[in-house]
Protein backbone atom coordinates (compact mmCIF):
# COMPACT_ATOMS: atom_id res chain seq x y z
CA MET A 1 -36.81 10.67 -30.98
CA PHE A 2 -32.96 9.75 -32.20
CA ARG A 3 -31.58 12.03 -33.90
CA SER A 4 -30.04 10.57 -36.95
CA THR A 5 -31.46 7.45 -39.23
CA LYS A 6 -28.43 4.91 -38.98
CA LYS A 7 -27.73 5.95 -35.35
CA SER A 8 -31.43 4.84 -35.11
CA LYS A 9 -31.70 2.16 -37.40
CA CYS A 10 -28.14 0.67 -35.30
CA ARG A 11 -29.97 0.79 -31.97
CA ALA A 12 -33.19 -0.90 -33.42
CA ARG A 13 -30.84 -3.66 -34.16
CA PHE A 14 -29.18 -3.41 -31.15
CA ARG A 15 -32.49 -3.38 -29.91
CA THR A 16 -33.47 -6.75 -31.21
CA LEU A 17 -30.19 -9.10 -31.08
CA ILE A 18 -29.26 -8.35 -27.53
CA ILE A 19 -32.74 -8.37 -26.10
CA PRO A 20 -34.30 -11.60 -26.42
CA ALA A 21 -30.76 -13.57 -26.18
CA THR A 22 -30.83 -11.38 -22.67
CA LEU A 23 -33.42 -12.32 -21.40
CA VAL A 24 -33.34 -16.29 -22.04
CA ILE A 25 -30.06 -16.41 -19.75
CA ILE A 26 -31.06 -14.24 -17.04
CA MET A 27 -33.76 -13.18 -15.05
CA LEU A 28 -35.13 -9.55 -14.00
CA MET A 29 -34.85 -8.98 -10.57
CA PRO A 30 -33.77 -7.28 -7.73
CA LEU A 31 -30.27 -8.85 -6.39
CA LYS A 32 -31.04 -8.08 -2.93
CA ALA A 33 -34.45 -10.28 -2.74
CA VAL A 34 -32.72 -13.11 -4.87
CA ILE A 35 -29.63 -13.19 -1.92
CA SER A 36 -32.15 -12.19 0.74
CA ALA A 37 -34.10 -15.49 -0.47
CA GLN A 38 -31.81 -17.58 -0.78
CA GLY A 39 -29.57 -17.29 2.72
CA ASN A 40 -33.00 -17.03 4.17
CA LEU A 41 -33.40 -21.22 3.58
CA LEU A 42 -32.51 -24.02 6.28
CA ILE A 43 -32.43 -26.96 5.61
CA THR A 44 -32.07 -29.74 8.37
CA PRO A 45 -30.34 -32.06 7.79
CA ARG A 46 -27.46 -31.17 5.60
CA ARG A 47 -26.91 -34.21 4.85
CA VAL A 48 -29.54 -37.56 3.16
CA VAL A 49 -27.97 -40.76 4.26
CA PHE A 50 -30.09 -44.00 3.06
CA ASP A 51 -27.23 -46.36 5.40
CA GLY A 52 -28.63 -49.60 7.22
CA SER A 53 -31.99 -50.51 7.01
CA THR A 54 -33.20 -47.22 6.03
CA ARG A 55 -36.04 -46.11 3.97
CA SER A 56 -36.88 -42.08 4.06
CA VAL A 57 -35.17 -39.11 5.51
CA ASP A 58 -37.88 -36.32 6.18
CA LEU A 59 -36.26 -33.05 5.28
CA ASN A 60 -36.75 -29.58 6.72
CA LEU A 61 -37.11 -26.42 5.22
CA ALA A 62 -37.78 -23.04 6.45
CA ASN A 63 -37.76 -19.99 5.96
CA THR A 64 -36.07 -17.41 8.30
CA GLY A 65 -36.12 -14.06 6.61
CA GLN A 66 -38.74 -11.79 6.35
CA ASP A 67 -40.19 -12.37 2.98
CA SER A 68 -42.08 -15.63 0.94
CA ALA A 69 -39.51 -17.27 -1.31
CA THR A 70 -40.32 -20.24 -3.83
CA TYR A 71 -38.10 -22.97 -4.23
CA ALA A 72 -37.82 -25.45 -6.95
CA ILE A 73 -36.01 -28.97 -5.54
CA SER A 74 -33.53 -31.21 -8.14
CA ILE A 75 -30.99 -33.47 -8.43
CA ILE A 76 -28.19 -33.34 -10.01
CA GLN A 77 -25.10 -34.97 -10.72
CA ILE A 78 -21.74 -33.55 -9.62
CA ARG A 79 -17.83 -34.76 -8.80
CA MET A 80 -15.65 -33.13 -6.55
CA THR A 81 -12.05 -32.27 -7.50
CA GLU A 82 -8.86 -32.45 -5.23
CA GLU A 83 -9.00 -28.89 -4.43
CA GLY A 84 -12.32 -29.31 -2.75
CA GLN A 85 -13.99 -27.81 -5.58
CA PHE A 86 -17.21 -28.87 -7.44
CA GLU A 87 -18.76 -29.31 -10.85
CA THR A 88 -21.37 -30.54 -11.97
CA ILE A 89 -21.67 -33.54 -14.49
CA THR A 90 -23.72 -35.80 -16.41
CA GLU A 91 -21.89 -38.88 -16.77
CA PRO A 92 -19.88 -40.53 -13.59
CA ASP A 93 -16.64 -40.37 -13.79
CA PRO A 94 -15.14 -44.34 -13.28
CA GLY A 95 -15.73 -46.02 -9.40
CA GLN A 96 -18.54 -43.39 -8.85
CA ARG A 97 -22.31 -44.52 -9.54
CA PHE A 98 -25.57 -41.82 -9.14
CA ALA A 99 -28.28 -42.25 -6.10
CA ASP A 100 -31.15 -39.89 -8.33
CA ARG A 101 -32.43 -43.47 -9.93
CA PHE A 102 -32.69 -44.97 -6.72
CA ILE A 103 -34.67 -42.08 -5.54
CA ARG A 104 -38.27 -40.35 -4.72
CA TYR A 105 -39.55 -37.37 -3.02
CA PHE A 106 -41.90 -34.75 -2.98
CA PRO A 107 -42.71 -32.24 -3.24
CA ARG A 108 -40.88 -31.14 -5.62
CA SER A 109 -41.03 -27.04 -4.89
CA VAL A 110 -42.38 -25.84 -1.15
CA ASP A 111 -44.06 -21.52 -1.29
CA LEU A 112 -42.68 -20.56 2.51
CA ALA A 113 -43.76 -17.56 4.14
CA PRO A 114 -41.67 -15.83 6.53
CA GLY A 115 -40.94 -17.92 9.52
CA GLU A 116 -42.71 -21.16 7.62
CA ALA A 117 -41.29 -24.83 7.32
CA GLN A 118 -42.27 -27.84 5.89
CA VAL A 119 -41.35 -31.29 5.13
CA VAL A 120 -39.88 -33.25 2.09
CA LYS A 121 -40.32 -36.65 2.31
CA VAL A 122 -36.98 -38.35 0.45
CA GLN A 123 -37.91 -42.37 -0.19
CA ILE A 124 -35.19 -44.99 -1.27
CA THR A 125 -36.52 -46.95 -4.26
CA ARG A 126 -35.82 -50.07 -6.63
CA ARG A 127 -33.62 -51.02 -3.25
CA SER A 128 -32.95 -54.72 -4.70
CA GLU A 129 -31.21 -54.16 -8.05
CA LEU A 130 -28.40 -51.90 -5.67
CA GLU A 131 -25.07 -53.62 -5.04
CA GLU A 132 -22.61 -53.03 -2.75
CA GLY A 133 -21.35 -49.81 -2.75
CA GLU A 134 -21.96 -46.48 -2.50
CA TYR A 135 -24.68 -44.65 -5.00
CA ARG A 136 -24.68 -40.68 -4.59
CA SER A 137 -26.24 -37.37 -6.27
CA HIS A 138 -27.13 -33.80 -5.25
CA PHE A 139 -30.49 -32.49 -4.07
CA TYR A 140 -29.96 -28.80 -5.36
CA PHE A 141 -32.85 -26.07 -3.90
CA ARG A 142 -33.07 -23.58 -6.40
CA ALA A 143 -34.14 -19.90 -5.62
CA VAL A 144 -37.53 -19.07 -8.17
CA PRO A 145 -37.76 -15.21 -8.97
CA ASP A 146 -40.93 -13.42 -8.03
CA ILE A 147 -40.48 -11.51 -11.55
CA LYS A 148 -43.20 -9.49 -12.13
CA PRO A 149 -44.75 -9.32 -15.90
CA LEU A 150 -43.78 -6.96 -18.64
CA GLY A 151 -44.98 -3.35 -18.08
CA GLU A 152 -45.14 -3.78 -14.10
CA GLU A 153 -41.59 -2.72 -14.13
CA ASP A 154 -40.18 0.38 -12.88
CA ALA A 155 -38.72 1.80 -16.31
CA THR A 156 -35.42 3.86 -16.17
CA LYS A 157 -35.00 5.97 -19.27
CA VAL A 158 -31.39 7.67 -19.67
CA ASN A 159 -29.98 8.94 -23.01
CA ASP A 160 -32.31 6.58 -25.14
CA ALA A 161 -30.26 4.18 -22.81
CA ILE A 162 -31.04 -0.39 -22.37
CA SER A 163 -30.29 -0.55 -18.59
CA VAL A 164 -30.43 -4.49 -18.88
CA GLN A 165 -30.06 -5.11 -14.54
CA LEU A 166 -28.20 -8.95 -14.43
CA THR A 167 -29.03 -11.13 -11.49
CA PRO A 168 -27.24 -14.19 -11.01
CA ILE A 169 -29.89 -16.98 -9.27
CA PHE A 170 -28.46 -18.50 -6.41
CA GLY A 171 -28.96 -22.37 -5.50
CA ILE A 172 -28.38 -24.79 -2.16
CA THR A 173 -26.70 -28.11 -2.52
CA ILE A 174 -26.92 -31.00 -0.04
CA PRO A 175 -25.44 -34.79 -0.46
CA VAL A 176 -28.04 -37.50 -1.08
CA ILE A 177 -26.26 -41.19 -0.25
CA ILE A 178 -26.98 -44.50 -0.04
CA ARG A 179 -24.98 -47.26 1.19
CA VAL A 180 -24.83 -50.48 0.32
CA GLY A 181 -22.84 -53.49 2.39
CA GLU A 182 -20.06 -53.39 4.83
CA SER A 183 -18.23 -49.82 5.08
CA THR A 184 -13.71 -49.85 4.24
CA ILE A 185 -13.04 -46.69 4.93
CA ASN A 186 -9.12 -45.80 5.68
CA VAL A 187 -8.52 -42.64 6.16
CA GLY A 188 -4.74 -40.98 6.19
CA LEU A 189 -3.19 -37.37 6.56
CA SER A 190 -0.05 -36.78 5.02
CA ASN A 191 1.67 -33.88 3.54
CA LEU A 192 1.78 -31.57 6.23
CA GLU A 193 2.43 -28.31 6.74
CA PHE A 194 2.69 -25.09 8.47
CA ARG A 195 3.53 -22.13 7.17
CA MET A 196 2.73 -18.29 7.78
CA VAL A 197 0.83 -15.39 4.52
CA ASP A 198 2.45 -12.13 4.13
CA SER A 199 4.03 -12.93 8.22
CA THR A 200 0.92 -12.68 9.55
CA GLU A 201 -1.32 -15.24 8.71
CA PRO A 202 -1.06 -18.62 10.18
CA GLN A 203 -1.98 -21.56 7.76
CA LEU A 204 -2.13 -25.62 7.93
CA ILE A 205 -2.26 -27.76 4.31
CA LEU A 206 -1.72 -31.63 3.84
CA THR A 207 -3.55 -33.87 2.72
CA PHE A 208 -6.89 -36.22 3.34
CA ASN A 209 -6.39 -39.66 1.72
CA ARG A 210 -8.93 -41.70 1.67
CA THR A 211 -9.39 -45.41 0.64
CA GLY A 212 -11.71 -47.81 0.77
CA ASN A 213 -15.33 -47.93 -0.91
CA MET A 214 -17.26 -44.98 0.90
CA SER A 215 -17.11 -41.57 0.89
CA VAL A 216 -16.12 -40.64 4.59
CA TYR A 217 -17.42 -37.51 6.30
CA GLY A 218 -16.37 -35.44 9.50
CA ASN A 219 -14.45 -32.17 11.67
CA LEU A 220 -11.28 -31.46 11.72
CA THR A 221 -10.23 -30.07 14.71
CA VAL A 222 -6.06 -28.37 15.13
CA ASP A 223 -4.58 -28.14 18.68
CA HIS A 224 -1.07 -26.65 19.17
CA ILE A 225 1.62 -27.76 21.60
CA SER A 226 3.82 -26.01 23.39
CA PRO A 227 6.93 -27.58 24.40
CA ALA A 228 6.01 -26.86 28.78
CA GLY A 229 3.57 -29.07 27.21
CA THR A 230 -0.23 -26.00 26.97
CA LEU A 231 -2.72 -27.52 24.09
CA THR A 232 -4.46 -24.46 22.76
CA ARG A 233 -7.69 -25.06 20.13
CA VAL A 234 -6.10 -23.06 17.37
CA ALA A 235 -8.67 -24.08 14.42
CA THR A 236 -11.95 -26.15 13.75
CA ALA A 237 -13.45 -26.88 9.95
CA ASN A 238 -16.52 -28.98 10.41
CA GLY A 239 -18.38 -31.31 7.86
CA ILE A 240 -15.25 -32.07 5.98
CA ALA A 241 -15.96 -35.14 3.21
CA VAL A 242 -13.49 -37.14 0.70
CA TYR A 243 -16.66 -38.28 -1.43
CA THR A 244 -15.91 -41.61 -3.77
CA PRO A 245 -14.56 -41.80 -6.32
CA ASN A 246 -11.94 -39.76 -5.38
CA THR A 247 -8.22 -40.87 -2.79
CA LYS A 248 -7.46 -37.64 -2.13
CA ARG A 249 -8.31 -34.42 -0.99
CA LYS A 250 -5.65 -30.80 -0.65
CA PHE A 251 -6.57 -28.64 2.10
CA ILE A 252 -5.47 -25.21 3.22
CA LEU A 253 -6.75 -23.66 6.85
CA ASN A 254 -6.00 -20.88 8.73
CA LEU A 255 -5.51 -21.00 12.67
CA SER A 256 -6.38 -19.06 14.89
CA LYS A 257 -4.03 -16.30 15.53
CA ASN A 258 -3.56 -15.90 19.03
CA GLU A 259 -1.11 -13.70 20.68
CA GLU A 260 0.19 -16.40 23.74
CA VAL A 261 0.53 -19.48 20.69
CA ASP A 262 4.17 -18.77 19.94
CA TYR A 263 4.15 -20.67 16.21
CA SER A 264 8.12 -20.92 15.33
CA GLU A 265 8.14 -23.68 18.20
CA GLY A 266 5.83 -26.68 19.59
CA LYS A 267 4.13 -28.51 17.16
CA LEU A 268 0.21 -28.77 15.80
CA LYS A 269 -1.65 -31.81 16.75
CA ILE A 270 -4.45 -32.59 13.62
CA SER A 271 -7.58 -35.08 14.73
CA TYR A 272 -9.61 -35.78 11.84
CA SER A 273 -12.98 -37.37 13.44
CA ALA A 274 -16.96 -38.60 12.47
CA PRO A 275 -19.75 -36.14 14.05
CA SER A 276 -20.28 -36.66 17.11
CA GLU A 277 -23.83 -36.82 16.26
CA ILE A 278 -22.95 -39.62 14.33
CA ARG A 279 -20.91 -41.42 16.56
CA SER A 280 -18.11 -41.24 18.10
CA GLU A 281 -14.73 -42.31 16.03
CA ILE A 282 -11.81 -41.27 14.96
CA TYR A 283 -10.59 -40.61 11.55
CA ALA A 284 -7.22 -39.75 11.64
CA GLU A 285 -4.71 -38.56 13.99
CA SER A 286 -1.14 -36.71 13.17
CA GLU A 287 1.02 -34.55 14.66
CA LEU A 288 3.63 -32.16 13.14
CA MET A 289 6.51 -30.63 15.06
CA LEU A 290 7.19 -27.12 14.43
CA ASN A 291 10.93 -24.93 14.37
């Protein structure tokens, strides 16, 4: 029971105005459950690419956790910034084309018991309408919360206060790409710089430069070569993409703090190549002298 009429009206107003708005933008559920459900979704392959005569691709979804989970599947549009960050968009940037209207997929949601797997069939449609070049969208796999009906949640009341639990909903995205025609990709590495952060953390800074009509996707390796010729692998970064229409991507890579490597001398050999499961191809190589 409230201690005064004035305070009662104030709290009643808070309940009326704040709570409905809150319920619209959040979902009340245990945070640990959401993170666990999202983190336990295994998707293979991590990219869907229609190239050449490929007409359908199977996406394999597996629940590696100990709880049942439901995932909603949709297609969204994303741009990549020069720093490699992603931003959701609704209109394509100049030189960018979306793939969604040429893609059919089913089912649109999956319920997975612990250890269960399911195939999502992805097909290309309206192929005759495709012009030469690349089309890209992104599949979005969103964990659907298992919300209990009102009245079944445990209620906690402390000093007549209202307890609201804010819980973000996490998702995983993977690209779906359609390529038509011959690829004219060319990649270069520039602005190479070595630095020590706080005198203890070795880092390599570089810029990927992409030209041509397609996106590029590959793995980056960095080797240290001592003055005596000893080669030591000091960093690997897999799955680095530069998506159209971007022509540049800035990248920072932490290097190994191997006590046997002296970063004050020798040189770094940097190599950017196609993933081995796709084909054996080196996109770009460069060297950086250390002194």
